[in-house]
PDB file of all heavy atoms in Angstrom:
ATOM      1  N   LEU A   1      -4.242  45.084  16.780  1.00  0.00           N
ATOM      2  CA  LEU A   1      -5.470  45.672  17.505  1.00  0.00           C
ATOM      3  C   LEU A   1      -5.069  46.572  18.613  1.00  0.00           C
ATOM      4  O   LEU A   1      -5.620  47.750  18.705  1.00  0.00           O
ATOM      5  CB  LEU A   1      -6.385  44.666  17.949  1.00  0.00           C
ATOM      6  CG  LEU A   1      -7.683  45.005  18.605  1.00  0.00           C
ATOM      7  CD1 LEU A   1      -8.577  45.688  17.645  1.00  0.00           C
ATOM      8  CD2 LEU A   1      -8.459  43.824  19.277  1.00  0.00           C
ATOM      9  N   LYS A   2      -4.173  46.231  19.399  1.00  0.00           N
ATOM     10  CA  LYS A   2      -3.740  47.097  20.548  1.00  0.00           C
ATOM     11  C   LYS A   2      -3.034  48.371  20.131  1.00  0.00           C
ATOM     12  O   LYS A   2      -3.168  49.418  20.775  1.00  0.00           O
ATOM     13  CB  LYS A   2      -2.819  46.262  21.392  1.00  0.00           C
ATOM     14  CG  LYS A   2      -3.472  45.114  21.996  1.00  0.00           C
ATOM     15  CD  LYS A   2      -2.406  44.264  22.805  1.00  0.00           C
ATOM     16  CE  LYS A   2      -3.116  42.992  23.357  1.00  0.00           C
ATOM     17  NZ  LYS A   2      -2.111  42.107  23.992  1.00  0.00           N
ATOM     18  N   HIS A   3      -2.396  48.303  18.912  1.00  0.00           N
ATOM     19  CA  HIS A   3      -1.627  49.497  18.492  1.00  0.00           C
ATOM     20  C   HIS A   3      -2.116  50.067  17.170  1.00  0.00           C
ATOM     21  O   HIS A   3      -1.338  50.646  16.345  1.00  0.00           O
ATOM     22  CB  HIS A   3      -0.201  49.195  18.367  1.00  0.00           C
ATOM     23  CG  HIS A   3       0.410  48.689  19.723  1.00  0.00           C
ATOM     24  ND1 HIS A   3       0.722  47.315  19.800  1.00  0.00           N
ATOM     25  CD2 HIS A   3       0.597  49.221  20.848  1.00  0.00           C
ATOM     26  CE1 HIS A   3       1.161  47.174  21.029  1.00  0.00           C
ATOM     27  NE2 HIS A   3       1.160  48.297  21.690  1.00  0.00           N
ATOM     28  N   ALA A   4      -3.339  49.849  16.899  1.00  0.00           N
ATOM     29  CA  ALA A   4      -4.037  50.344  15.564  1.00  0.00           C
ATOM     30  C   ALA A   4      -4.012  51.784  15.426  1.00  0.00           C
ATOM     31  O   ALA A   4      -4.194  52.528  16.499  1.00  0.00           O
ATOM     32  CB  ALA A   4      -5.410  49.794  15.415  1.00  0.00           C
ATOM     33  N   SER A   5      -3.618  52.318  14.258  1.00  0.00           N
ATOM     34  CA  SER A   5      -3.662  53.792  14.109  1.00  0.00           C
ATOM     35  C   SER A   5      -5.012  54.379  13.991  1.00  0.00           C
ATOM     36  O   SER A   5      -5.233  55.597  14.282  1.00  0.00           O
ATOM     37  CB  SER A   5      -2.925  54.074  12.742  1.00  0.00           C
ATOM     38  OG  SER A   5      -3.473  53.538  11.637  1.00  0.00           O
ATOM     39  N   GLN A   6      -5.932  53.485  13.618  1.00  0.00           N
ATOM     40  CA  GLN A   6      -7.383  53.889  13.620  1.00  0.00           C
ATOM     41  C   GLN A   6      -8.013  53.947  14.927  1.00  0.00           C
ATOM     42  O   GLN A   6      -8.037  52.826  15.588  1.00  0.00           O
ATOM     43  CB  GLN A   6      -8.205  52.979  12.639  1.00  0.00           C
ATOM     44  CG  GLN A   6      -9.585  53.558  12.267  1.00  0.00           C
ATOM     45  CD  GLN A   6      -9.440  54.595  11.130  1.00  0.00           C
ATOM     46  OE1 GLN A   6      -8.479  54.782  10.554  1.00  0.00           O
ATOM     47  NE2 GLN A   6     -10.556  55.440  10.974  1.00  0.00           N
ATOM     48  N   LYS A   7      -8.416  55.076  15.411  1.00  0.00           N
ATOM     49  CA  LYS A   7      -8.956  55.201  16.824  1.00  0.00           C
ATOM     50  C   LYS A   7     -10.348  55.881  16.850  1.00  0.00           C
ATOM     51  O   LYS A   7     -10.680  56.613  15.986  1.00  0.00           O
ATOM     52  CB  LYS A   7      -7.930  55.986  17.639  1.00  0.00           C
ATOM     53  CG  LYS A   7      -6.583  55.265  17.819  1.00  0.00           C
ATOM     54  CD  LYS A   7      -5.645  56.047  18.719  1.00  0.00           C
ATOM     55  CE  LYS A   7      -4.381  55.191  19.121  1.00  0.00           C
ATOM     56  NZ  LYS A   7      -3.607  54.930  17.994  1.00  0.00           N
ATOM     57  N   ASN A   8     -11.017  55.587  18.057  1.00  0.00           N
ATOM     58  CA  ASN A   8     -12.271  56.242  18.223  1.00  0.00           C
ATOM     59  C   ASN A   8     -12.261  57.204  19.310  1.00  0.00           C
ATOM     60  O   ASN A   8     -11.488  57.043  20.102  1.00  0.00           O
ATOM     61  CB  ASN A   8     -13.339  54.973  18.627  1.00  0.00           C
ATOM     62  CG  ASN A   8     -13.488  53.984  17.552  1.00  0.00           C
ATOM     63  OD1 ASN A   8     -13.189  54.256  16.390  1.00  0.00           O
ATOM     64  ND2 ASN A   8     -13.841  52.738  18.001  1.00  0.00           N
ATOM     65  N   TYR A   9     -13.154  58.249  19.173  1.00  0.00           N
ATOM     66  CA  TYR A   9     -13.141  59.324  20.109  1.00  0.00           C
ATOM     67  C   TYR A   9     -14.632  59.608  20.428  1.00  0.00           C
ATOM     68  O   TYR A   9     -15.534  59.650  19.564  1.00  0.00           O
ATOM     69  CB  TYR A   9     -12.433  60.632  19.525  1.00  0.00           C
ATOM     70  CG  TYR A   9     -10.996  60.366  19.311  1.00  0.00           C
ATOM     71  CD1 TYR A   9     -10.562  59.879  18.180  1.00  0.00           C
ATOM     72  CD2 TYR A   9     -10.088  60.616  20.261  1.00  0.00           C
ATOM     73  CE1 TYR A   9      -9.174  59.769  17.914  1.00  0.00           C
ATOM     74  CE2 TYR A   9      -8.686  60.378  20.135  1.00  0.00           C
ATOM     75  CZ  TYR A   9      -8.293  59.860  18.909  1.00  0.00           C
ATOM     76  OH  TYR A   9      -6.909  59.734  18.693  1.00  0.00           O
ATOM     77  N   LEU A  10     -14.882  59.919  21.675  1.00  0.00           N
ATOM     78  CA  LEU A  10     -16.269  60.290  22.096  1.00  0.00           C
ATOM     79  C   LEU A  10     -16.275  61.714  22.244  1.00  0.00           C
ATOM     80  O   LEU A  10     -15.456  62.373  23.042  1.00  0.00           O
ATOM     81  CB  LEU A  10     -16.515  59.750  23.492  1.00  0.00           C
ATOM     82  CG  LEU A  10     -17.944  59.959  23.994  1.00  0.00           C
ATOM     83  CD1 LEU A  10     -19.008  59.246  23.107  1.00  0.00           C
ATOM     84  CD2 LEU A  10     -18.106  59.395  25.476  1.00  0.00           C
ATOM     85  N   VAL A  11     -17.263  62.349  21.631  1.00  0.00           N
ATOM     86  CA  VAL A  11     -17.426  63.929  21.539  1.00  0.00           C
ATOM     87  C   VAL A  11     -18.782  64.255  22.158  1.00  0.00           C
ATOM     88  O   VAL A  11     -19.751  63.677  21.754  1.00  0.00           O
ATOM     89  CB  VAL A  11     -17.330  64.467  20.091  1.00  0.00           C
ATOM     90  CG1 VAL A  11     -17.288  66.034  20.113  1.00  0.00           C
ATOM     91  CG2 VAL A  11     -16.053  63.929  19.355  1.00  0.00           C
ATOM     92  N   GLY A  12     -18.766  65.153  23.228  1.00  0.00           N
ATOM     93  CA  GLY A  12     -19.837  65.530  23.855  1.00  0.00           C
ATOM     94  C   GLY A  12     -20.162  67.040  23.401  1.00  0.00           C
ATOM     95  O   GLY A  12     -19.388  67.900  23.397  1.00  0.00           O
ATOM     96  N   PHE A  13     -21.495  67.298  22.945  1.00  0.00           N
ATOM     97  CA  PHE A  13     -21.951  68.612  22.493  1.00  0.00           C
ATOM     98  C   PHE A  13     -22.759  69.364  23.506  1.00  0.00           C
ATOM     99  O   PHE A  13     -23.445  68.660  24.304  1.00  0.00           O
ATOM    100  CB  PHE A  13     -22.635  68.461  21.117  1.00  0.00           C
ATOM    101  CG  PHE A  13     -21.783  67.926  20.057  1.00  0.00           C
ATOM    102  CD1 PHE A  13     -21.665  66.544  19.848  1.00  0.00           C
ATOM    103  CD2 PHE A  13     -21.130  68.858  19.206  1.00  0.00           C
ATOM    104  CE1 PHE A  13     -20.769  66.112  18.817  1.00  0.00           C
ATOM    105  CE2 PHE A  13     -20.244  68.313  18.177  1.00  0.00           C
ATOM    106  CZ  PHE A  13     -20.114  66.922  17.960  1.00  0.00           C
ATOM    107  N   ALA A  14     -22.793  70.622  23.347  1.00  0.00           N
ATOM    108  CA  ALA A  14     -23.558  71.511  24.205  1.00  0.00           C
ATOM    109  C   ALA A  14     -25.074  71.386  24.006  1.00  0.00           C
ATOM    110  O   ALA A  14     -25.793  71.481  24.991  1.00  0.00           O
ATOM    111  CB  ALA A  14     -23.152  72.915  24.137  1.00  0.00           C
ATOM    112  N   ASP A  15     -25.494  71.127  22.757  1.00  0.00           N
ATOM    113  CA  ASP A  15     -26.932  70.940  22.572  1.00  0.00           C
ATOM    114  C   ASP A  15     -27.086  70.194  21.253  1.00  0.00           C
ATOM    115  O   ASP A  15     -26.116  69.771  20.498  1.00  0.00           O
ATOM    116  CB  ASP A  15     -27.624  72.378  22.388  1.00  0.00           C
ATOM    117  CG  ASP A  15     -26.851  73.272  21.443  1.00  0.00           C
ATOM    118  OD1 ASP A  15     -26.778  72.830  20.248  1.00  0.00           O
ATOM    119  OD2 ASP A  15     -26.536  74.334  21.808  1.00  0.00           O
ATOM    120  N   SER A  16     -28.302  69.742  21.014  1.00  0.00           N
ATOM    121  CA  SER A  16     -28.617  68.932  19.842  1.00  0.00           C
ATOM    122  C   SER A  16     -28.415  69.627  18.548  1.00  0.00           C
ATOM    123  O   SER A  16     -28.076  68.964  17.490  1.00  0.00           O
ATOM    124  CB  SER A  16     -30.079  68.433  19.925  1.00  0.00           C
ATOM    125  OG  SER A  16     -30.982  69.555  19.913  1.00  0.00           O
ATOM    126  N   ALA A  17     -28.581  70.905  18.440  1.00  0.00           N
ATOM    127  CA  ALA A  17     -28.411  71.580  17.223  1.00  0.00           C
ATOM    128  C   ALA A  17     -26.782  71.511  16.757  1.00  0.00           C
ATOM    129  O   ALA A  17     -26.583  71.268  15.634  1.00  0.00           O
ATOM    130  CB  ALA A  17     -28.655  73.061  17.419  1.00  0.00           C
ATOM    131  N   GLU A  18     -25.935  71.620  17.794  1.00  0.00           N
ATOM    132  CA  GLU A  18     -24.505  71.445  17.485  1.00  0.00           C
ATOM    133  C   GLU A  18     -24.232  69.979  17.051  1.00  0.00           C
ATOM    134  O   GLU A  18     -23.466  69.797  16.117  1.00  0.00           O
ATOM    135  CB  GLU A  18     -23.701  71.873  18.704  1.00  0.00           C
ATOM    136  CG  GLU A  18     -23.692  73.289  19.038  1.00  0.00           C
ATOM    137  CD  GLU A  18     -22.904  74.131  18.008  1.00  0.00           C
ATOM    138  OE1 GLU A  18     -21.741  74.048  18.120  1.00  0.00           O
ATOM    139  OE2 GLU A  18     -23.555  74.806  17.231  1.00  0.00           O
ATOM    140  N   LEU A  19     -24.778  69.163  17.809  1.00  0.00           N
ATOM    141  CA  LEU A  19     -24.584  67.677  17.461  1.00  0.00           C
ATOM    142  C   LEU A  19     -25.000  67.415  16.036  1.00  0.00           C
ATOM    143  O   LEU A  19     -24.298  66.808  15.335  1.00  0.00           O
ATOM    144  CB  LEU A  19     -25.329  66.831  18.448  1.00  0.00           C
ATOM    145  CG  LEU A  19     -25.232  65.313  18.275  1.00  0.00           C
ATOM    146  CD1 LEU A  19     -25.295  64.556  19.620  1.00  0.00           C
ATOM    147  CD2 LEU A  19     -26.318  64.683  17.285  1.00  0.00           C
ATOM    148  N   ASN A  20     -26.264  67.855  15.619  1.00  0.00           N
ATOM    149  CA  ASN A  20     -26.817  67.482  14.260  1.00  0.00           C
ATOM    150  C   ASN A  20     -26.011  68.274  13.231  1.00  0.00           C
ATOM    151  O   ASN A  20     -25.684  67.509  12.197  1.00  0.00           O
ATOM    152  CB  ASN A  20     -28.274  68.072  14.180  1.00  0.00           C
ATOM    153  CG  ASN A  20     -29.153  67.083  15.141  1.00  0.00           C
ATOM    154  OD1 ASN A  20     -28.949  65.971  15.397  1.00  0.00           O
ATOM    155  ND2 ASN A  20     -30.214  67.730  15.580  1.00  0.00           N
ATOM    156  N   LYS A  21     -25.463  69.434  13.493  1.00  0.00           N
ATOM    157  CA  LYS A  21     -24.712  70.093  12.536  1.00  0.00           C
ATOM    158  C   LYS A  21     -23.269  69.380  12.288  1.00  0.00           C
ATOM    159  O   LYS A  21     -22.840  69.192  11.175  1.00  0.00           O
ATOM    160  CB  LYS A  21     -24.399  71.531  12.982  1.00  0.00           C
ATOM    161  CG  LYS A  21     -23.630  72.432  12.057  1.00  0.00           C
ATOM    162  CD  LYS A  21     -23.772  73.839  12.334  1.00  0.00           C
ATOM    163  CE  LYS A  21     -22.797  74.146  13.637  1.00  0.00           C
ATOM    164  NZ  LYS A  21     -22.640  75.554  13.817  1.00  0.00           N
ATOM    165  N   PHE A  22     -22.682  68.928  13.330  1.00  0.00           N
ATOM    166  CA  PHE A  22     -21.490  68.153  13.309  1.00  0.00           C
ATOM    167  C   PHE A  22     -21.711  66.803  12.609  1.00  0.00           C
ATOM    168  O   PHE A  22     -20.904  66.454  11.672  1.00  0.00           O
ATOM    169  CB  PHE A  22     -20.895  67.792  14.591  1.00  0.00           C
ATOM    170  CG  PHE A  22     -19.717  66.858  14.597  1.00  0.00           C
ATOM    171  CD1 PHE A  22     -18.472  67.359  14.221  1.00  0.00           C
ATOM    172  CD2 PHE A  22     -19.807  65.501  14.898  1.00  0.00           C
ATOM    173  CE1 PHE A  22     -17.426  66.426  14.149  1.00  0.00           C
ATOM    174  CE2 PHE A  22     -18.828  64.732  14.766  1.00  0.00           C
ATOM    175  CZ  PHE A  22     -17.504  65.196  14.367  1.00  0.00           C
ATOM    176  N   VAL A  23     -22.786  66.009  12.841  1.00  0.00           N
ATOM    177  CA  VAL A  23     -22.982  64.743  12.190  1.00  0.00           C
ATOM    178  C   VAL A  23     -23.204  64.988  10.691  1.00  0.00           C
ATOM    179  O   VAL A  23     -22.643  64.225   9.888  1.00  0.00           O
ATOM    180  CB  VAL A  23     -24.319  64.080  12.674  1.00  0.00           C
ATOM    181  CG1 VAL A  23     -24.705  62.867  11.894  1.00  0.00           C
ATOM    182  CG2 VAL A  23     -24.002  63.604  14.144  1.00  0.00           C
ATOM    183  N   ALA A  24     -23.872  66.066  10.280  1.00  0.00           N
ATOM    184  CA  ALA A  24     -23.958  66.349   8.842  1.00  0.00           C
ATOM    185  C   ALA A  24     -22.742  66.677   8.193  1.00  0.00           C
ATOM    186  O   ALA A  24     -22.404  66.204   7.016  1.00  0.00           O
ATOM    187  CB  ALA A  24     -24.998  67.638   8.728  1.00  0.00           C
ATOM    188  N   GLU A  25     -21.806  67.362   8.810  1.00  0.00           N
ATOM    189  CA  GLU A  25     -20.541  67.672   8.360  1.00  0.00           C
ATOM    190  C   GLU A  25     -19.598  66.409   8.237  1.00  0.00           C
ATOM    191  O   GLU A  25     -18.980  66.163   7.164  1.00  0.00           O
ATOM    192  CB  GLU A  25     -19.776  68.765   9.108  1.00  0.00           C
ATOM    193  CG  GLU A  25     -18.339  69.055   8.604  1.00  0.00           C
ATOM    194  CD  GLU A  25     -17.462  69.770   9.478  1.00  0.00           C
ATOM    195  OE1 GLU A  25     -17.955  70.219  10.577  1.00  0.00           O
ATOM    196  OE2 GLU A  25     -16.241  69.920   9.317  1.00  0.00           O
ATOM    197  N   ALA A  26     -19.708  65.640   9.357  1.00  0.00           N
ATOM    198  CA  ALA A  26     -18.800  64.466   9.350  1.00  0.00           C
ATOM    199  C   ALA A  26     -19.262  63.419   8.309  1.00  0.00           C
ATOM    200  O   ALA A  26     -18.453  62.612   7.716  1.00  0.00           O
ATOM    201  CB  ALA A  26     -18.911  63.834  10.758  1.00  0.00           C
ATOM    202  N   GLY A  27     -20.569  63.449   7.967  1.00  0.00           N
ATOM    203  CA  GLY A  27     -21.025  62.548   6.841  1.00  0.00           C
ATOM    204  C   GLY A  27     -20.347  62.766   5.542  1.00  0.00           C
ATOM    205  O   GLY A  27     -20.379  61.895   4.644  1.00  0.00           O
ATOM    206  N   LYS A  28     -19.894  64.023   5.261  1.00  0.00           N
ATOM    207  CA  LYS A  28     -19.205  64.318   4.021  1.00  0.00           C
ATOM    208  C   LYS A  28     -17.793  64.304   4.009  1.00  0.00           C
ATOM    209  O   LYS A  28     -17.044  64.594   3.146  1.00  0.00           O
ATOM    210  CB  LYS A  28     -19.741  65.775   3.643  1.00  0.00           C
ATOM    211  CG  LYS A  28     -21.172  65.964   3.630  1.00  0.00           C
ATOM    212  CD  LYS A  28     -21.512  67.512   3.376  1.00  0.00           C
ATOM    213  CE  LYS A  28     -23.067  67.720   3.491  1.00  0.00           C
ATOM    214  NZ  LYS A  28     -23.368  69.185   3.346  1.00  0.00           N
ATOM    215  N   SER A  29     -17.163  64.053   5.367  1.00  0.00           N
ATOM    216  CA  SER A  29     -15.735  64.102   5.549  1.00  0.00           C
ATOM    217  C   SER A  29     -15.002  62.897   5.082  1.00  0.00           C
ATOM    218  O   SER A  29     -15.578  61.801   5.112  1.00  0.00           O
ATOM    219  CB  SER A  29     -15.424  64.268   7.059  1.00  0.00           C
ATOM    220  OG  SER A  29     -14.133  64.231   7.326  1.00  0.00           O
ATOM    221  N   GLU A  30     -13.866  63.085   4.492  1.00  0.00           N
ATOM    222  CA  GLU A  30     -13.057  61.896   4.270  1.00  0.00           C
ATOM    223  C   GLU A  30     -12.036  61.509   5.259  1.00  0.00           C
ATOM    224  O   GLU A  30     -11.244  60.646   5.043  1.00  0.00           O
ATOM    225  CB  GLU A  30     -12.327  62.294   2.811  1.00  0.00           C
ATOM    226  CG  GLU A  30     -13.185  62.488   1.570  1.00  0.00           C
ATOM    227  CD  GLU A  30     -12.495  62.821   0.430  1.00  0.00           C
ATOM    228  OE1 GLU A  30     -11.242  63.017   0.482  1.00  0.00           O
ATOM    229  OE2 GLU A  30     -13.114  62.944  -0.731  1.00  0.00           O
ATOM    230  N   ILE A  31     -11.907  62.201   6.331  1.00  0.00           N
ATOM    231  CA  ILE A  31     -10.894  61.998   7.341  1.00  0.00           C
ATOM    232  C   ILE A  31     -11.470  61.433   8.624  1.00  0.00           C
ATOM    233  O   ILE A  31     -10.780  60.946   9.531  1.00  0.00           O
ATOM    234  CB  ILE A  31     -10.046  63.338   7.713  1.00  0.00           C
ATOM    235  CG1 ILE A  31     -11.048  64.368   8.277  1.00  0.00           C
ATOM    236  CG2 ILE A  31      -9.445  63.810   6.419  1.00  0.00           C
ATOM    237  CD1 ILE A  31     -10.148  65.601   8.893  1.00  0.00           C
ATOM    238  N   MET A  32     -12.785  61.434   8.745  1.00  0.00           N
ATOM    239  CA  MET A  32     -13.417  60.867   9.994  1.00  0.00           C
ATOM    240  C   MET A  32     -14.756  60.254   9.596  1.00  0.00           C
ATOM    241  O   MET A  32     -15.398  60.661   8.628  1.00  0.00           O
ATOM    242  CB  MET A  32     -13.614  61.927  11.048  1.00  0.00           C
ATOM    243  CG  MET A  32     -14.336  63.107  10.613  1.00  0.00           C
ATOM    244  SD  MET A  32     -14.467  64.348  12.034  1.00  0.00           S
ATOM    245  CE  MET A  32     -15.126  65.752  11.186  1.00  0.00           C
ATOM    246  N   LYS A  33     -15.289  59.392  10.488  1.00  0.00           N
ATOM    247  CA  LYS A  33     -16.377  58.681  10.206  1.00  0.00           C
ATOM    248  C   LYS A  33     -17.301  58.612  11.554  1.00  0.00           C
ATOM    249  O   LYS A  33     -16.699  58.214  12.600  1.00  0.00           O
ATOM    250  CB  LYS A  33     -16.214  57.306   9.662  1.00  0.00           C
ATOM    251  CG  LYS A  33     -17.505  56.488   9.471  1.00  0.00           C
ATOM    252  CD  LYS A  33     -17.117  55.121   9.008  1.00  0.00           C
ATOM    253  CE  LYS A  33     -18.351  54.300   8.678  1.00  0.00           C
ATOM    254  NZ  LYS A  33     -18.007  52.898   8.345  1.00  0.00           N
ATOM    255  N   VAL A  34     -18.480  58.978  11.564  1.00  0.00           N
ATOM    256  CA  VAL A  34     -19.383  58.842  12.623  1.00  0.00           C
ATOM    257  C   VAL A  34     -19.795  57.287  12.843  1.00  0.00           C
ATOM    258  O   VAL A  34     -20.382  56.738  11.932  1.00  0.00           O
ATOM    259  CB  VAL A  34     -20.590  59.721  12.623  1.00  0.00           C
ATOM    260  CG1 VAL A  34     -21.553  59.396  13.837  1.00  0.00           C
ATOM    261  CG2 VAL A  34     -20.296  61.136  12.711  1.00  0.00           C
ATOM    262  N   ILE A  35     -19.480  56.741  13.967  1.00  0.00           N
ATOM    263  CA  ILE A  35     -19.748  55.231  14.138  1.00  0.00           C
ATOM    264  C   ILE A  35     -20.982  55.081  15.082  1.00  0.00           C
ATOM    265  O   ILE A  35     -21.525  53.873  15.193  1.00  0.00           O
ATOM    266  CB  ILE A  35     -18.568  54.504  14.448  1.00  0.00           C
ATOM    267  CG1 ILE A  35     -17.937  54.792  15.849  1.00  0.00           C
ATOM    268  CG2 ILE A  35     -17.580  54.447  13.264  1.00  0.00           C
ATOM    269  CD1 ILE A  35     -16.829  53.901  16.221  1.00  0.00           C
ATOM    270  N   ASP A  36     -21.204  56.071  15.919  1.00  0.00           N
ATOM    271  CA  ASP A  36     -22.280  55.922  16.813  1.00  0.00           C
ATOM    272  C   ASP A  36     -22.756  57.356  17.241  1.00  0.00           C
ATOM    273  O   ASP A  36     -21.983  58.283  17.518  1.00  0.00           O
ATOM    274  CB  ASP A  36     -21.867  55.200  18.017  1.00  0.00           C
ATOM    275  CG  ASP A  36     -23.079  54.877  19.005  1.00  0.00           C
ATOM    276  OD1 ASP A  36     -24.027  54.356  18.578  1.00  0.00           O
ATOM    277  OD2 ASP A  36     -22.981  55.369  20.107  1.00  0.00           O
ATOM    278  N   THR A  37     -24.162  57.546  17.292  1.00  0.00           N
ATOM    279  CA  THR A  37     -24.772  58.760  17.737  1.00  0.00           C
ATOM    280  C   THR A  37     -25.655  58.499  18.889  1.00  0.00           C
ATOM    281  O   THR A  37     -26.658  57.700  18.767  1.00  0.00           O
ATOM    282  CB  THR A  37     -25.409  59.486  16.613  1.00  0.00           C
ATOM    283  OG1 THR A  37     -24.499  59.689  15.563  1.00  0.00           O
ATOM    284  CG2 THR A  37     -26.069  60.838  17.092  1.00  0.00           C
ATOM    285  N   ASP A  38     -25.530  59.232  20.047  1.00  0.00           N
ATOM    286  CA  ASP A  38     -26.395  59.036  21.161  1.00  0.00           C
ATOM    287  C   ASP A  38     -27.051  60.389  21.411  1.00  0.00           C
ATOM    288  O   ASP A  38     -26.505  61.291  22.139  1.00  0.00           O
ATOM    289  CB  ASP A  38     -25.645  58.565  22.328  1.00  0.00           C
ATOM    290  CG  ASP A  38     -26.599  58.275  23.600  1.00  0.00           C
ATOM    291  OD1 ASP A  38     -27.706  58.762  23.616  1.00  0.00           O
ATOM    292  OD2 ASP A  38     -26.173  57.474  24.444  1.00  0.00           O
ATOM    293  N   VAL A  39     -28.276  60.727  20.771  1.00  0.00           N
ATOM    294  CA  VAL A  39     -28.905  61.977  20.859  1.00  0.00           C
ATOM    295  C   VAL A  39     -29.275  62.380  22.217  1.00  0.00           C
ATOM    296  O   VAL A  39     -29.028  63.404  22.738  1.00  0.00           O
ATOM    297  CB  VAL A  39     -30.119  62.031  19.835  1.00  0.00           C
ATOM    298  CG1 VAL A  39     -30.817  63.377  19.983  1.00  0.00           C
ATOM    299  CG2 VAL A  39     -29.739  61.771  18.463  1.00  0.00           C
ATOM    300  N   PRO A  40     -29.952  61.413  23.026  1.00  0.00           N
ATOM    301  CA  PRO A  40     -30.262  61.837  24.412  1.00  0.00           C
ATOM    302  C   PRO A  40     -29.093  62.340  25.269  1.00  0.00           C
ATOM    303  O   PRO A  40     -29.221  63.241  26.124  1.00  0.00           O
ATOM    304  CB  PRO A  40     -30.874  60.559  24.981  1.00  0.00           C
ATOM    305  CG  PRO A  40     -31.393  59.824  23.876  1.00  0.00           C
ATOM    306  CD  PRO A  40     -30.459  60.100  22.750  1.00  0.00           C
ATOM    307  N   ARG A  41     -27.883  61.693  25.049  1.00  0.00           N
ATOM    308  CA  ARG A  41     -26.733  62.087  25.765  1.00  0.00           C
ATOM    309  C   ARG A  41     -25.890  63.199  25.050  1.00  0.00           C
ATOM    310  O   ARG A  41     -24.806  63.545  25.589  1.00  0.00           O
ATOM    311  CB  ARG A  41     -25.897  60.892  26.118  1.00  0.00           C
ATOM    312  CG  ARG A  41     -26.608  59.884  26.992  1.00  0.00           C
ATOM    313  CD  ARG A  41     -25.617  58.613  27.337  1.00  0.00           C
ATOM    314  NE  ARG A  41     -26.326  57.733  28.210  1.00  0.00           N
ATOM    315  CZ  ARG A  41     -25.817  56.579  28.585  1.00  0.00           C
ATOM    316  NH1 ARG A  41     -24.602  56.319  28.327  1.00  0.00           N
ATOM    317  NH2 ARG A  41     -26.534  55.784  29.389  1.00  0.00           N
TER     318      ARG A  41
END
C-alpha cells in the first residue's frame, strides 16, 4: 500500500468548462480514471 504504483493526483482547473471537458475525455481513457469530482472547487 505504501509503495503502490497506482497513485492519485489532484488537478485544479481554471473554469468549469475545462473541468467538464477533461472529465469527458478521462471517461474514455484507458490510462487514467476519475475517482472524484468537486465542481464547486
